[in-house]
């Protein structure tokens, strides 16, 4: 199989992984906000649920570590693609050596 098509498949999974981590971080942050708002709405002391909020904060830290690792992976794969001479132009993997395949380019997004 042509290495550019393998690279496209890897890139697709990388983007899906990055998106999943972003979604998980967003959901966890929204949960944190919701828990604090719920405590306030119920006029509960700030000590109520403190351990649980700390656990959720630890989960967010772990998700951020996963995000950072994925960014490092993304950068490393970009270097590998360059070393393997896989055509990457303006952030995309393009099988430009295949007739008519340039429209099938896979976009590689910047990791946030």
PDB file of N, CA and C in Angstrom:
ATOM      1  N   UNK A   1       0.849  -1.183   0.000  1.00  0.00           N
ATOM      2  CA  UNK A   1       0.000   0.000   0.000  1.00  0.00           C
ATOM      3  C   UNK A   1       0.893   1.243   0.000  1.00  0.00           C
ATOM      4  N   UNK A   2       0.473   2.259  -0.723  1.00  0.00           N
ATOM      5  CA  UNK A   2       1.238   3.498  -0.800  1.00  0.00           C
ATOM      6  C   UNK A   2       1.322   4.154   0.573  1.00  0.00           C
ATOM      7  N   UNK A   3       2.500   4.615   0.930  1.00  0.00           N
ATOM      8  CA  UNK A   3       2.690   5.182   2.264  1.00  0.00           C
ATOM      9  C   UNK A   3       1.841   6.427   2.507  1.00  0.00           C
ATOM     10  N   UNK A   4       1.506   7.170   1.457  1.00  0.00           N
ATOM     11  CA  UNK A   4       0.685   8.364   1.659  1.00  0.00           C
ATOM     12  C   UNK A   4      -0.722   7.982   2.111  1.00  0.00           C
ATOM     13  N   UNK A   5      -1.255   6.870   1.639  1.00  0.00           N
ATOM     14  CA  UNK A   5      -2.588   6.437   2.050  1.00  0.00           C
ATOM     15  C   UNK A   5      -2.568   5.901   3.482  1.00  0.00           C
ATOM     16  N   UNK A   6      -1.464   5.254   3.861  1.00  0.00           N
ATOM     17  CA  UNK A   6      -1.292   4.822   5.248  1.00  0.00           C
ATOM     18  C   UNK A   6      -1.223   6.058   6.141  1.00  0.00           C
ATOM     19  N   UNK A   7      -0.483   7.074   5.703  1.00  0.00           N
ATOM     20  CA  UNK A   7      -0.367   8.318   6.467  1.00  0.00           C
ATOM     21  C   UNK A   7      -1.726   8.994   6.623  1.00  0.00           C
ATOM     22  N   UNK A   8      -2.544   8.951   5.589  1.00  0.00           N
ATOM     23  CA  UNK A   8      -3.889   9.532   5.678  1.00  0.00           C
ATOM     24  C   UNK A   8      -4.719   8.810   6.737  1.00  0.00           C
ATOM     25  N   UNK A   9      -4.610   7.483   6.778  1.00  0.00           N
ATOM     26  CA  UNK A   9      -5.360   6.703   7.770  1.00  0.00           C
ATOM     27  C   UNK A   9      -4.893   7.036   9.186  1.00  0.00           C
ATOM     28  N   UNK A  10      -3.582   7.138   9.369  1.00  0.00           N
ATOM     29  CA  UNK A  10      -3.024   7.505  10.675  1.00  0.00           C
ATOM     30  C   UNK A  10      -3.488   8.907  11.058  1.00  0.00           C
ATOM     31  N   UNK A  11      -3.440   9.829  10.099  1.00  0.00           N
ATOM     32  CA  UNK A  11      -3.853  11.204  10.358  1.00  0.00           C
ATOM     33  C   UNK A  11      -5.322  11.275  10.776  1.00  0.00           C
ATOM     34  N   UNK A  12      -6.154  10.485  10.138  1.00  0.00           N
ATOM     35  CA  UNK A  12      -7.574  10.461  10.478  1.00  0.00           C
ATOM     36  C   UNK A  12      -7.783  10.021  11.929  1.00  0.00           C
ATOM     37  N   UNK A  13      -7.071   8.988  12.344  1.00  0.00           N
ATOM     38  CA  UNK A  13      -7.180   8.500  13.725  1.00  0.00           C
ATOM     39  C   UNK A  13      -6.601   9.517  14.711  1.00  0.00           C
ATOM     40  N   UNK A  14      -5.520  10.180  14.320  1.00  0.00           N
ATOM     41  CA  UNK A  14      -4.925  11.204  15.175  1.00  0.00           C
ATOM     42  C   UNK A  14      -5.919  12.340  15.408  1.00  0.00           C
ATOM     43  N   UNK A  15      -6.554  12.803  14.346  1.00  0.00           N
ATOM     44  CA  UNK A  15      -7.534  13.881  14.483  1.00  0.00           C
ATOM     45  C   UNK A  15      -8.716  13.448  15.342  1.00  0.00           C
ATOM     46  N   UNK A  16      -9.166  12.214  15.182  1.00  0.00           N
ATOM     47  CA  UNK A  16     -10.275  11.707  15.992  1.00  0.00           C
ATOM     48  C   UNK A  16      -9.886  11.658  17.469  1.00  0.00           C
ATOM     49  N   UNK A  17      -8.650  11.243  17.742  1.00  0.00           N
ATOM     50  CA  UNK A  17      -8.153  11.193  19.119  1.00  0.00           C
ATOM     51  C   UNK A  17      -8.088  12.587  19.716  1.00  0.00           C
ATOM     52  N   UNK A  18      -7.538  13.533  18.955  1.00  0.00           N
ATOM     53  CA  UNK A  18      -7.448  14.917  19.436  1.00  0.00           C
ATOM     54  C   UNK A  18      -8.837  15.485  19.732  1.00  0.00           C
ATOM     55  N   UNK A  19      -9.768  15.215  18.848  1.00  0.00           N
ATOM     56  CA  UNK A  19     -11.137  15.713  19.033  1.00  0.00           C
ATOM     57  C   UNK A  19     -11.770  15.085  20.275  1.00  0.00           C
ATOM     58  N   UNK A  20     -11.555  13.795  20.475  1.00  0.00           N
ATOM     59  CA  UNK A  20     -12.120  13.109  21.639  1.00  0.00           C
ATOM     60  C   UNK A  20     -11.598  13.686  22.946  1.00  0.00           C
ATOM     61  N   UNK A  21     -10.319  13.985  22.981  1.00  0.00           N
ATOM     62  CA  UNK A  21      -9.739  14.577  24.185  1.00  0.00           C
ATOM     63  C   UNK A  21     -10.326  15.968  24.415  1.00  0.00           C
ATOM     64  N   UNK A  22     -10.451  16.757  23.354  1.00  0.00           N
ATOM     65  CA  UNK A  22     -11.047  18.089  23.475  1.00  0.00           C
ATOM     66  C   UNK A  22     -12.472  18.008  24.011  1.00  0.00           C
ATOM     67  N   UNK A  23     -13.251  17.068  23.481  1.00  0.00           N
ATOM     68  CA  UNK A  23     -14.640  16.899  23.929  1.00  0.00           C
ATOM     69  C   UNK A  23     -14.670  16.481  25.401  1.00  0.00           C
ATOM     70  N   UNK A  24     -13.815  15.545  25.785  1.00  0.00           N
ATOM     71  CA  UNK A  24     -13.774  15.095  27.179  1.00  0.00           C
ATOM     72  C   UNK A  24     -13.391  16.239  28.117  1.00  0.00           C
ATOM     73  N   UNK A  25     -12.430  17.053  27.713  1.00  0.00           N
ATOM     74  CA  UNK A  25     -12.035  18.193  28.542  1.00  0.00           C
ATOM     75  C   UNK A  25     -13.179  19.187  28.686  1.00  0.00           C
ATOM     76  N   UNK A  26     -13.875  19.447  27.597  1.00  0.00           N
ATOM     77  CA  UNK A  26     -15.004  20.375  27.631  1.00  0.00           C
ATOM     78  C   UNK A  26     -16.104  19.851  28.542  1.00  0.00           C
ATOM     79  N   UNK A  27     -16.441  18.579  28.395  1.00  0.00           N
ATOM     80  CA  UNK A  27     -17.491  17.981  29.232  1.00  0.00           C
ATOM     81  C   UNK A  27     -17.108  18.027  30.710  1.00  0.00           C
ATOM     82  N   UNK A  28     -15.866  17.706  31.026  1.00  0.00           N
ATOM     83  CA  UNK A  28     -15.417  17.720  32.420  1.00  0.00           C
ATOM     84  C   UNK A  28     -15.448  19.141  32.992  1.00  0.00           C
ATOM     85  N   UNK A  29     -15.032  20.116  32.196  1.00  0.00           N
ATOM     86  CA  UNK A  29     -15.066  21.508  32.656  1.00  0.00           C
ATOM     87  C   UNK A  29     -16.506  21.971  32.885  1.00  0.00           C
ATOM     88  N   UNK A  30     -17.402  21.570  31.995  1.00  0.00           N
ATOM     89  CA  UNK A  30     -18.811  21.918  32.168  1.00  0.00           C
ATOM     90  C   UNK A  30     -19.398  21.235  33.400  1.00  0.00           C
ATOM     91  N   UNK A  31     -18.981  20.001  33.656  1.00  0.00           N
ATOM     92  CA  UNK A  31     -19.432  19.297  34.859  1.00  0.00           C
ATOM     93  C   UNK A  31     -18.958  20.034  36.106  1.00  0.00           C
ATOM     94  N   UNK A  32     -17.719  20.489  36.108  1.00  0.00           N
ATOM     95  CA  UNK A  32     -17.187  21.236  37.244  1.00  0.00           C
ATOM     96  C   UNK A  32     -18.034  22.481  37.508  1.00  0.00           C
ATOM     97  N   UNK A  33     -18.330  23.220  36.466  1.00  0.00           N
ATOM     98  CA  UNK A  33     -19.173  24.406  36.590  1.00  0.00           C
ATOM     99  C   UNK A  33     -20.554  24.045  37.122  1.00  0.00           C
ATOM    100  N   UNK A  34     -21.146  22.992  36.585  1.00  0.00           N
ATOM    101  CA  UNK A  34     -22.484  22.566  36.996  1.00  0.00           C
ATOM    102  C   UNK A  34     -22.513  22.158  38.468  1.00  0.00           C
ATOM    103  N   UNK A  35     -21.480  21.464  38.914  1.00  0.00           N
ATOM    104  CA  UNK A  35     -21.425  21.046  40.320  1.00  0.00           C
ATOM    105  C   UNK A  35     -21.347  22.251  41.252  1.00  0.00           C
ATOM    106  N   UNK A  36     -20.537  23.228  40.898  1.00  0.00           N
ATOM    107  CA  UNK A  36     -20.415  24.431  41.729  1.00  0.00           C
ATOM    108  C   UNK A  36     -21.727  25.205  41.732  1.00  0.00           C
ATOM    109  N   UNK A  37     -22.334  25.355  40.562  1.00  0.00           N
ATOM    110  CA  UNK A  37     -23.617  26.058  40.481  1.00  0.00           C
ATOM    111  C   UNK A  37     -24.693  25.329  41.286  1.00  0.00           C
ATOM    112  N   UNK A  38     -24.712  24.001  41.219  1.00  0.00           N
ATOM    113  CA  UNK A  38     -25.706  23.219  41.964  1.00  0.00           C
ATOM    114  C   UNK A  38     -25.537  23.424  43.463  1.00  0.00           C
ATOM    115  N   UNK A  39     -24.300  23.398  43.927  1.00  0.00           N
ATOM    116  CA  UNK A  39     -24.037  23.624  45.361  1.00  0.00           C
ATOM    117  C   UNK A  39     -24.549  24.986  45.785  1.00  0.00           C
ATOM    118  N   UNK A  40     -24.280  26.009  44.972  1.00  0.00           N
ATOM    119  CA  UNK A  40     -24.733  27.365  45.293  1.00  0.00           C
ATOM    120  C   UNK A  40     -26.257  27.465  45.276  1.00  0.00           C
ATOM    121  N   UNK A  41     -26.888  26.875  44.263  1.00  0.00           N
ATOM    122  CA  UNK A  41     -28.354  26.925  44.154  1.00  0.00           C
ATOM    123  C   UNK A  41     -29.031  26.279  45.352  1.00  0.00           C
ATOM    124  N   UNK A  42     -28.395  25.271  45.911  1.00  0.00           N
ATOM    125  CA  UNK A  42     -28.956  24.564  47.062  1.00  0.00           C
ATOM    126  C   UNK A  42     -28.496  25.159  48.388  1.00  0.00           C
ATOM    127  N   UNK A  43     -27.777  26.279  48.320  1.00  0.00           N
ATOM    128  CA  UNK A  43     -27.274  26.981  49.521  1.00  0.00           C
ATOM    129  C   UNK A  43     -26.473  26.054  50.430  1.00  0.00           C
ATOM    130  N   UNK A  44     -25.610  25.258  49.821  1.00  0.00           N
ATOM    131  CA  UNK A  44     -24.786  24.328  50.581  1.00  0.00           C
ATOM    132  C   UNK A  44     -23.429  24.967  50.858  1.00  0.00           C
ATOM    133  N   UNK A  45     -22.810  24.535  51.918  1.00  0.00           N
ATOM    134  CA  UNK A  45     -21.493  25.019  52.301  1.00  0.00           C
ATOM    135  C   UNK A  45     -20.461  24.656  51.223  1.00  0.00           C
ATOM    136  N   UNK A  46     -19.405  25.450  51.154  1.00  0.00           N
ATOM    137  CA  UNK A  46     -18.353  25.167  50.174  1.00  0.00           C
ATOM    138  C   UNK A  46     -17.597  23.878  50.475  1.00  0.00           C
ATOM    139  N   UNK A  47     -17.712  23.379  51.690  1.00  0.00           N
ATOM    140  CA  UNK A  47     -17.018  22.129  52.025  1.00  0.00           C
ATOM    141  C   UNK A  47     -17.761  20.907  51.486  1.00  0.00           C
ATOM    142  N   UNK A  48     -19.050  21.081  51.159  1.00  0.00           N
ATOM    143  CA  UNK A  48     -19.831  19.966  50.615  1.00  0.00           C
ATOM    144  C   UNK A  48     -19.336  19.660  49.199  1.00  0.00           C
ATOM    145  N   UNK A  49     -18.928  18.444  48.973  1.00  0.00           N
ATOM    146  CA  UNK A  49     -18.462  18.025  47.656  1.00  0.00           C
ATOM    147  C   UNK A  49     -17.042  18.446  47.332  1.00  0.00           C
ATOM    148  N   UNK A  50     -16.315  18.925  48.336  1.00  0.00           N
ATOM    149  CA  UNK A  50     -14.956  19.402  48.091  1.00  0.00           C
ATOM    150  C   UNK A  50     -14.052  18.298  47.546  1.00  0.00           C
ATOM    151  N   UNK A  51     -14.123  17.118  48.127  1.00  0.00           N
ATOM    152  CA  UNK A  51     -13.282  15.997  47.664  1.00  0.00           C
ATOM    153  C   UNK A  51     -13.649  15.599  46.240  1.00  0.00           C
ATOM    154  N   UNK A  52     -14.942  15.651  45.948  1.00  0.00           N
ATOM    155  CA  UNK A  52     -15.404  15.283  44.609  1.00  0.00           C
ATOM    156  C   UNK A  52     -14.933  16.301  43.568  1.00  0.00           C
ATOM    157  N   UNK A  53     -14.985  17.573  43.916  1.00  0.00           N
ATOM    158  CA  UNK A  53     -14.471  18.605  43.007  1.00  0.00           C
ATOM    159  C   UNK A  53     -12.972  18.439  42.782  1.00  0.00           C
ATOM    160  N   UNK A  54     -12.262  18.070  43.840  1.00  0.00           N
ATOM    161  CA  UNK A  54     -10.820  17.831  43.707  1.00  0.00           C
ATOM    162  C   UNK A  54     -10.553  16.646  42.778  1.00  0.00           C
ATOM    163  N   UNK A  55     -11.383  15.614  42.889  1.00  0.00           N
ATOM    164  CA  UNK A  55     -11.230  14.451  42.003  1.00  0.00           C
ATOM    165  C   UNK A  55     -11.462  14.840  40.549  1.00  0.00           C
ATOM    166  N   UNK A  56     -12.478  15.653  40.324  1.00  0.00           N
ATOM    167  CA  UNK A  56     -12.770  16.099  38.960  1.00  0.00           C
ATOM    168  C   UNK A  56     -11.644  16.988  38.428  1.00  0.00           C
ATOM    169  N   UNK A  57     -11.097  17.808  39.286  1.00  0.00           N
ATOM    170  CA  UNK A  57      -9.965  18.657  38.883  1.00  0.00           C
ATOM    171  C   UNK A  57      -8.760  17.795  38.509  1.00  0.00           C
ATOM    172  N   UNK A  58      -8.534  16.721  39.248  1.00  0.00           N
ATOM    173  CA  UNK A  58      -7.454  15.793  38.911  1.00  0.00           C
ATOM    174  C   UNK A  58      -7.706  15.128  37.562  1.00  0.00           C
ATOM    175  N   UNK A  59      -8.955  14.827  37.279  1.00  0.00           N
ATOM    176  CA  UNK A  59      -9.297  14.240  35.977  1.00  0.00           C
ATOM    177  C   UNK A  59      -8.994  15.230  34.853  1.00  0.00           C
ATOM    178  N   UNK A  60      -9.292  16.513  35.083  1.00  0.00           N
ATOM    179  CA  UNK A  60      -8.975  17.537  34.080  1.00  0.00           C
ATOM    180  C   UNK A  60      -7.469  17.649  33.859  1.00  0.00           C
ATOM    181  N   UNK A  61      -6.705  17.558  34.932  1.00  0.00           N
ATOM    182  CA  UNK A  61      -5.241  17.598  34.810  1.00  0.00           C
ATOM    183  C   UNK A  61      -4.756  16.401  33.989  1.00  0.00           C
ATOM    184  N   UNK A  62      -5.338  15.241  34.230  1.00  0.00           N
ATOM    185  CA  UNK A  62      -4.961  14.043  33.467  1.00  0.00           C
ATOM    186  C   UNK A  62      -5.333  14.190  31.986  1.00  0.00           C
ATOM    187  N   UNK A  63      -6.497  14.764  31.727  1.00  0.00           N
ATOM    188  CA  UNK A  63      -6.892  15.001  30.333  1.00  0.00           C
ATOM    189  C   UNK A  63      -5.954  15.992  29.654  1.00  0.00           C
ATOM    190  N   UNK A  64      -5.516  16.998  30.394  1.00  0.00           N
ATOM    191  CA  UNK A  64      -4.567  17.957  29.816  1.00  0.00           C
ATOM    192  C   UNK A  64      -3.235  17.273  29.519  1.00  0.00           C
ATOM    193  N   UNK A  65      -2.819  16.378  30.382  1.00  0.00           N
ATOM    194  CA  UNK A  65      -1.583  15.622  30.121  1.00  0.00           C
ATOM    195  C   UNK A  65      -1.743  14.770  28.866  1.00  0.00           C
ATOM    196  N   UNK A  66      -2.909  14.173  28.692  1.00  0.00           N
ATOM    197  CA  UNK A  66      -3.181  13.393  27.482  1.00  0.00           C
ATOM    198  C   UNK A  66      -3.148  14.290  26.256  1.00  0.00           C
ATOM    199  N   UNK A  67      -3.703  15.488  26.374  1.00  0.00           N
ATOM    200  CA  UNK A  67      -3.700  16.435  25.256  1.00  0.00           C
ATOM    201  C   UNK A  67      -2.270  16.815  24.895  1.00  0.00           C
ATOM    202  N   UNK A  68      -1.466  17.120  25.904  1.00  0.00           N
ATOM    203  CA  UNK A  68      -0.066  17.487  25.654  1.00  0.00           C
ATOM    204  C   UNK A  68       0.695  16.343  24.994  1.00  0.00           C
ATOM    205  N   UNK A  69       0.451  15.128  25.439  1.00  0.00           N
ATOM    206  CA  UNK A  69       1.108  13.962  24.829  1.00  0.00           C
ATOM    207  C   UNK A  69       0.679  13.785  23.383  1.00  0.00           C
ATOM    208  N   UNK A  70      -0.590  14.063  23.101  1.00  0.00           N
ATOM    209  CA  UNK A  70      -1.087  13.943  21.737  1.00  0.00           C
ATOM    210  C   UNK A  70      -0.484  15.016  20.843  1.00  0.00           C
ATOM    211  N   UNK A  71      -0.279  16.206  21.385  1.00  0.00           N
ATOM    212  CA  UNK A  71       0.398  17.271  20.633  1.00  0.00           C
ATOM    213  C   UNK A  71       1.822  16.828  20.290  1.00  0.00           C
ATOM    214  N   UNK A  72       2.516  16.246  21.254  1.00  0.00           N
ATOM    215  CA  UNK A  72       3.874  15.751  21.002  1.00  0.00           C
ATOM    216  C   UNK A  72       3.859  14.653  19.947  1.00  0.00           C
ATOM    217  N   UNK A  73       2.862  13.772  20.030  1.00  0.00           N
ATOM    218  CA  UNK A  73       2.705  12.723  19.019  1.00  0.00           C
ATOM    219  C   UNK A  73       2.491  13.341  17.643  1.00  0.00           C
ATOM    220  N   UNK A  74       1.608  14.314  17.562  1.00  0.00           N
ATOM    221  CA  UNK A  74       1.305  14.993  16.301  1.00  0.00           C
ATOM    222  C   UNK A  74       2.578  15.588  15.699  1.00  0.00           C
ATOM    223  N   UNK A  75       3.353  16.274  16.523  1.00  0.00           N
ATOM    224  CA  UNK A  75       4.607  16.878  16.041  1.00  0.00           C
ATOM    225  C   UNK A  75       5.597  15.813  15.588  1.00  0.00           C
ATOM    226  N   UNK A  76       5.684  14.738  16.340  1.00  0.00           N
ATOM    227  CA  UNK A  76       6.598  13.658  15.971  1.00  0.00           C
ATOM    228  C   UNK A  76       6.199  12.977  14.673  1.00  0.00           C
ATOM    229  N   UNK A  77       4.901  12.770  14.490  1.00  0.00           N
ATOM    230  CA  UNK A  77       4.439  12.158  13.241  1.00  0.00           C
ATOM    231  C   UNK A  77       4.705  13.071  12.049  1.00  0.00           C
ATOM    232  N   UNK A  78       4.591  14.373  12.260  1.00  0.00           N
ATOM    233  CA  UNK A  78       4.907  15.322  11.189  1.00  0.00           C
ATOM    234  C   UNK A  78       6.365  15.215  10.771  1.00  0.00           C
ATOM    235  N   UNK A  79       7.248  15.064  11.754  1.00  0.00           N
ATOM    236  CA  UNK A  79       8.672  14.900  11.451  1.00  0.00           C
ATOM    237  C   UNK A  79       8.932  13.582  10.721  1.00  0.00           C
ATOM    238  N   UNK A  80       8.223  12.534  11.157  1.00  0.00           N
ATOM    239  CA  UNK A  80       8.376  11.236  10.492  1.00  0.00           C
ATOM    240  C   UNK A  80       7.906  11.312   9.047  1.00  0.00           C
ATOM    241  N   UNK A  81       6.785  11.978   8.820  1.00  0.00           N
ATOM    242  CA  UNK A  81       6.259  12.107   7.455  1.00  0.00           C
ATOM    243  C   UNK A  81       7.264  12.835   6.574  1.00  0.00           C
ATOM    244  N   UNK A  82       7.865  13.877   7.123  1.00  0.00           N
ATOM    245  CA  UNK A  82       8.869  14.631   6.356  1.00  0.00           C
ATOM    246  C   UNK A  82      10.076  13.742   6.045  1.00  0.00           C
ATOM    247  N   UNK A  83      10.538  12.993   7.036  1.00  0.00           N
ATOM    248  CA  UNK A  83      11.691  12.111   6.830  1.00  0.00           C
ATOM    249  C   UNK A  83      11.392  11.010   5.811  1.00  0.00           C
ATOM    250  N   UNK A  84      10.124  10.583   5.765  1.00  0.00           N
ATOM    251  CA  UNK A  84       9.724   9.532   4.829  1.00  0.00           C
ATOM    252  C   UNK A  84       9.317  10.105   3.473  1.00  0.00           C
ATOM    253  N   UNK A  85       9.444  11.430   3.351  1.00  0.00           N
ATOM    254  CA  UNK A  85       9.100  12.131   2.113  1.00  0.00           C
ATOM    255  C   UNK A  85       7.636  11.944   1.719  1.00  0.00           C
ATOM    256  N   UNK A  86       6.786  11.930   2.732  1.00  0.00           N
ATOM    257  CA  UNK A  86       5.348  11.913   2.471  1.00  0.00           C
ATOM    258  C   UNK A  86       4.948  13.358   2.238  1.00  0.00           C
ATOM    259  N   UNK A  87       4.345  13.652   1.096  1.00  0.00           N
ATOM    260  CA  UNK A  87       4.059  15.039   0.754  1.00  0.00           C
ATOM    261  C   UNK A  87       3.061  15.701   1.708  1.00  0.00           C
ATOM    262  N   UNK A  88       3.547  16.684   2.446  1.00  0.00           N
ATOM    263  CA  UNK A  88       2.701  17.479   3.327  1.00  0.00           C
ATOM    264  C   UNK A  88       2.815  18.918   2.853  1.00  0.00           C
ATOM    265  N   UNK A  89       1.697  19.481   2.448  1.00  0.00           N
ATOM    266  CA  UNK A  89       1.675  20.839   1.935  1.00  0.00           C
ATOM    267  C   UNK A  89       0.647  21.646   2.708  1.00  0.00           C
ATOM    268  N   UNK A  90       1.070  22.741   3.315  1.00  0.00           N
ATOM    269  CA  UNK A  90       0.174  23.639   4.051  1.00  0.00           C
ATOM    270  C   UNK A  90      -0.707  22.865   5.026  1.00  0.00           C
ATOM    271  N   UNK A  91      -0.109  21.951   5.783  1.00  0.00           N
ATOM    272  CA  UNK A  91      -0.850  21.230   6.804  1.00  0.00           C
ATOM    273  C   UNK A  91      -1.713  20.095   6.303  1.00  0.00           C
ATOM    274  N   UNK A  92      -1.505  19.629   5.058  1.00  0.00           N
ATOM    275  CA  UNK A  92      -2.295  18.511   4.551  1.00  0.00           C
ATOM    276  C   UNK A  92      -1.379  17.428   4.028  1.00  0.00           C
ATOM    277  N   UNK A  93      -1.878  16.217   4.054  1.00  0.00           N
ATOM    278  CA  UNK A  93      -1.180  15.099   3.425  1.00  0.00           C
ATOM    279  C   UNK A  93      -1.834  14.935   2.071  1.00  0.00           C
ATOM    280  N   UNK A  94      -1.055  15.089   1.017  1.00  0.00           N
ATOM    281  CA  UNK A  94      -1.627  15.026  -0.327  1.00  0.00           C
ATOM    282  C   UNK A  94      -0.959  13.925  -1.147  1.00  0.00           C
ATOM    283  N   UNK A  95      -1.764  13.046  -1.673  1.00  0.00           N
ATOM    284  CA  UNK A  95      -1.211  12.054  -2.591  1.00  0.00           C
ATOM    285  C   UNK A  95      -1.086  12.678  -3.983  1.00  0.00           C
ATOM    286  N   UNK A  96      -0.283  13.730  -4.097  1.00  0.00           N
ATOM    287  CA  UNK A  96      -0.225  14.514  -5.329  1.00  0.00           C
ATOM    288  C   UNK A  96       0.475  13.794  -6.475  1.00  0.00           C
ATOM    289  N   UNK A  97       1.051  12.658  -6.190  1.00  0.00           N
ATOM    290  CA  UNK A  97       1.684  11.903  -7.266  1.00  0.00           C
ATOM    291  C   UNK A  97       0.687  10.954  -7.931  1.00  0.00           C
ATOM    292  N   UNK A  98      -0.535  10.872  -7.397  1.00  0.00           N
ATOM    293  CA  UNK A  98      -1.576  10.024  -7.975  1.00  0.00           C
ATOM    294  C   UNK A  98      -2.512  10.921  -8.787  1.00  0.00           C
ATOM    295  N   UNK A  99      -2.768  10.560 -10.010  1.00  0.00           N
ATOM    296  CA  UNK A  99      -3.599  11.380 -10.896  1.00  0.00           C
ATOM    297  C   UNK A  99      -4.990  11.546 -10.308  1.00  0.00           C
ATOM    298  N   UNK A 100      -5.428  12.798 -10.203  1.00  0.00           N
ATOM    299  CA  UNK A 100      -6.772  13.119  -9.734  1.00  0.00           C
ATOM    300  C   UNK A 100      -6.987  12.962  -8.245  1.00  0.00           C
ATOM    301  N   UNK A 101      -5.955  12.675  -7.492  1.00  0.00           N
ATOM    302  CA  UNK A 101      -6.142  12.442  -6.061  1.00  0.00           C
ATOM    303  C   UNK A 101      -5.952  13.693  -5.222  1.00  0.00           C
ATOM    304  N   UNK A 102      -5.573  14.809  -5.815  1.00  0.00           N
ATOM    305  CA  UNK A 102      -5.297  16.001  -5.008  1.00  0.00           C
ATOM    306  C   UNK A 102      -6.521  16.499  -4.268  1.00  0.00           C
ATOM    307  N   UNK A 103      -7.733  16.220  -4.752  1.00  0.00           N
ATOM    308  CA  UNK A 103      -8.938  16.639  -4.049  1.00  0.00           C
ATOM    309  C   UNK A 103      -9.199  15.790  -2.808  1.00  0.00           C
ATOM    310  N   UNK A 104      -8.516  14.668  -2.692  1.00  0.00           N
ATOM    311  CA  UNK A 104      -8.727  13.761  -1.570  1.00  0.00           C
ATOM    312  C   UNK A 104      -7.763  14.032  -0.417  1.00  0.00           C
ATOM    313  N   UNK A 105      -7.190  15.218  -0.370  1.00  0.00           N
ATOM    314  CA  UNK A 105      -6.219  15.536   0.669  1.00  0.00           C
ATOM    315  C   UNK A 105      -6.872  15.481   2.043  1.00  0.00           C
ATOM    316  N   UNK A 106      -6.111  15.044   3.008  1.00  0.00           N
ATOM    317  CA  UNK A 106      -6.579  14.987   4.389  1.00  0.00           C
ATOM    318  C   UNK A 106      -5.991  16.188   5.116  1.00  0.00           C
ATOM    319  N   UNK A 107      -6.827  16.978   5.745  1.00  0.00           N
ATOM    320  CA  UNK A 107      -6.352  18.159   6.464  1.00  0.00           C
ATOM    321  C   UNK A 107      -5.800  17.752   7.813  1.00  0.00           C
ATOM    322  N   UNK A 108      -4.614  18.249   8.144  1.00  0.00           N
ATOM    323  CA  UNK A 108      -4.039  18.060   9.457  1.00  0.00           C
ATOM    324  C   UNK A 108      -4.204  19.373  10.205  1.00  0.00           C
ATOM    325  N   UNK A 109      -4.951  19.354  11.299  1.00  0.00           N
ATOM    326  CA  UNK A 109      -5.173  20.592  12.028  1.00  0.00           C
ATOM    327  C   UNK A 109      -4.094  20.799  13.063  1.00  0.00           C
ATOM    328  N   UNK A 110      -3.897  22.040  13.429  1.00  0.00           N
ATOM    329  CA  UNK A 110      -2.967  22.372  14.486  1.00  0.00           C
ATOM    330  C   UNK A 110      -3.564  21.902  15.805  1.00  0.00           C
ATOM    331  N   UNK A 111      -2.760  21.295  16.637  1.00  0.00           N
ATOM    332  CA  UNK A 111      -3.239  20.889  17.945  1.00  0.00           C
ATOM    333  C   UNK A 111      -3.376  22.122  18.823  1.00  0.00           C
ATOM    334  N   UNK A 112      -4.467  22.168  19.557  1.00  0.00           N
ATOM    335  CA  UNK A 112      -4.693  23.341  20.407  1.00  0.00           C
ATOM    336  C   UNK A 112      -4.140  23.131  21.789  1.00  0.00           C
TER     337      UNK A 112
END
